[in-house]
Amino acid sequence: MSDGRYQRVAALKNAALLRQHLEAGGIDLHFDETLLPPGESPLAQPFERDGVRVGNRFCVLPMEGWDGTRDGEPSDLTRRRWQRFGASGAKLIWGGEAVAVRHDGRANPNQLMMTQSTEPALAALRDLLVAAHRERFGSNADGDLYLGLQLTHSGRFARPNVWNRPEPLAAHANPVLDRRFANGVGVMSDDDIDRLIDDFIAAARRAYAIGFQFVDIKHCHGYFGHELLSARERAGRYGGSLENRARFMFTVADRIRAEVPGLRLGVRLSAIDSVPFKKSADGPGEPETPPREYHHGFGIIDETVDQSLDDSRALLAMMRDRGITWVCLTAGSPYYCPHVVRPALFPPIDGYEPPEDPLHGVARQIGMTARLKAEFPDMVFVGSAYTYLQEWLPNVAQYTLRHDMADFVGLGRMMVSYPDLAADVLAGRPLTRKLVCRTFSDCTTGPRLGLVSGCYPLDPLYVNHPDAAALKEAKAPART
């Protein structure tokens, strides 16, 4: 648990306290003190671009589920989660959750897969989400609901058969990360990547056939597509120049356009990255290697975030030229720099204490999205890292949209504990404090122990789930 070195957001109960805290910490984060009425709120405004209409500015971000079947189909827990997505009030569903395109690309043995055998079950899952949206908001409410499926291969972080047995298929050798895999790391050949592209196309074709409007070609969080972007020292067609490192993304995109012409595209991108961190002797995370000596990342944070964005600027320019204009931004990887990607006060069981006030991490992601949005105004940007803001989430989100710093506000962990947050904000209702995610990280600790994913502290279903006792027992030594 946290040692109390940082102020809890829940204690910042008024605007003066929040502003004082931000100023004292040098945290470049802005917010509106007062929320606008629902009819005037930018969060409630529809968005239209490229022939797509989205009914409001809330987005459900994709997360990795640990509660599917061994065959890659949804379970009752998965279906409950997707129903809650549909009833959340958010009109953009970016990917639903990470869905592997084949077995060896699963990040855990219970991750969903998109294959011939699982297609009917995923079709029913998609229909369940839409039905929940209609039931709550009206029979025609899905007319401005934009629903995608995130397609992935977990690459270096694949664990397809046993939850605690890595079976990495990396994009390139990484001497810092490779040390973490006692049984070695396999690197995909160019021919392997060619075959993986075929699997992405097959999955995309199935996604379109069952009603998804777009697919996300995942390039974030250290998974295969993201790691490939940093393969500067890799030989062959997929390494070296940025054109080569992005060849996987663009080949998948070009073939989808040619072979599944009705399907739209998006990319979730880790726009900045970090050197791998480890737990220090006294608890907080510390870099395993100096940033200037680490050449195996894409947009490594060093002195300034602005300089770190140069890699993404170059990639986004190429994406725009190729007509890929919908981008969901995130940062880093939960495997080696979790404080960068998902700011939290309480680390998961295998993590480390935050090396900075987590609000710095929130501000970093909101700021990077604002910079890229300003430089690429003709592209569509979804922002991330809002959950740690807790009760202040709507105020920061409103300020962000009012100042054109993003097009959509993405909700990840908050959707697990408080799926009705978007609907409540859009209706002008006060937040239900007992449901607000406090980033206890149990939704991560559970899967790290091979348990189902869910909000064990706040969701009654998981509070009473059999896995809750196992989670509590495993965490007990960490509290002593």
Foldseek 3Di string as FASTA:
>chain_A
DFPPPFDALVVQPAPVSVVVRCVVAVAPFDFFRDADALVPFQQQPWDDDPRAIFRGFEEAEAAWFLQADLVQARDPVLLVLLLLLLQQQGQEYAASYEEELDQQQALASRTHHQDPVRLVRVLVSVVSSPVSNCVNPHVCRNPNRAFEREYFGQAQNGDRPHLPQTAHAECDDFVVVQVVHPVGHHYDDPVSLVVVLVSLLNSQQSRVVSPHQAYADEQDARGHLVQLQLQCVDDDQSYNDNCSSCVSVLVSVVVCCVPVVRHAYEYEHAQAAEAFWAADPVFEIDHPDQQVVGRRHQLYDDPDSVVSNPSVVVVVVVCVVSPHFEYEYFHYHCVGCVLQGANAQADAPRHTGHPGRSSSSVSSQLVVLQVVCVVCVSGAYETDRQQSSFQRSVRSVSVCVVVRSHRHYYDYQLCQQPSNPSVCVSNVHHDDNLRRDNRNCPQPNQSSVSHTGGDCPHDVVNVPDPSSVVSVVVCVVVVD
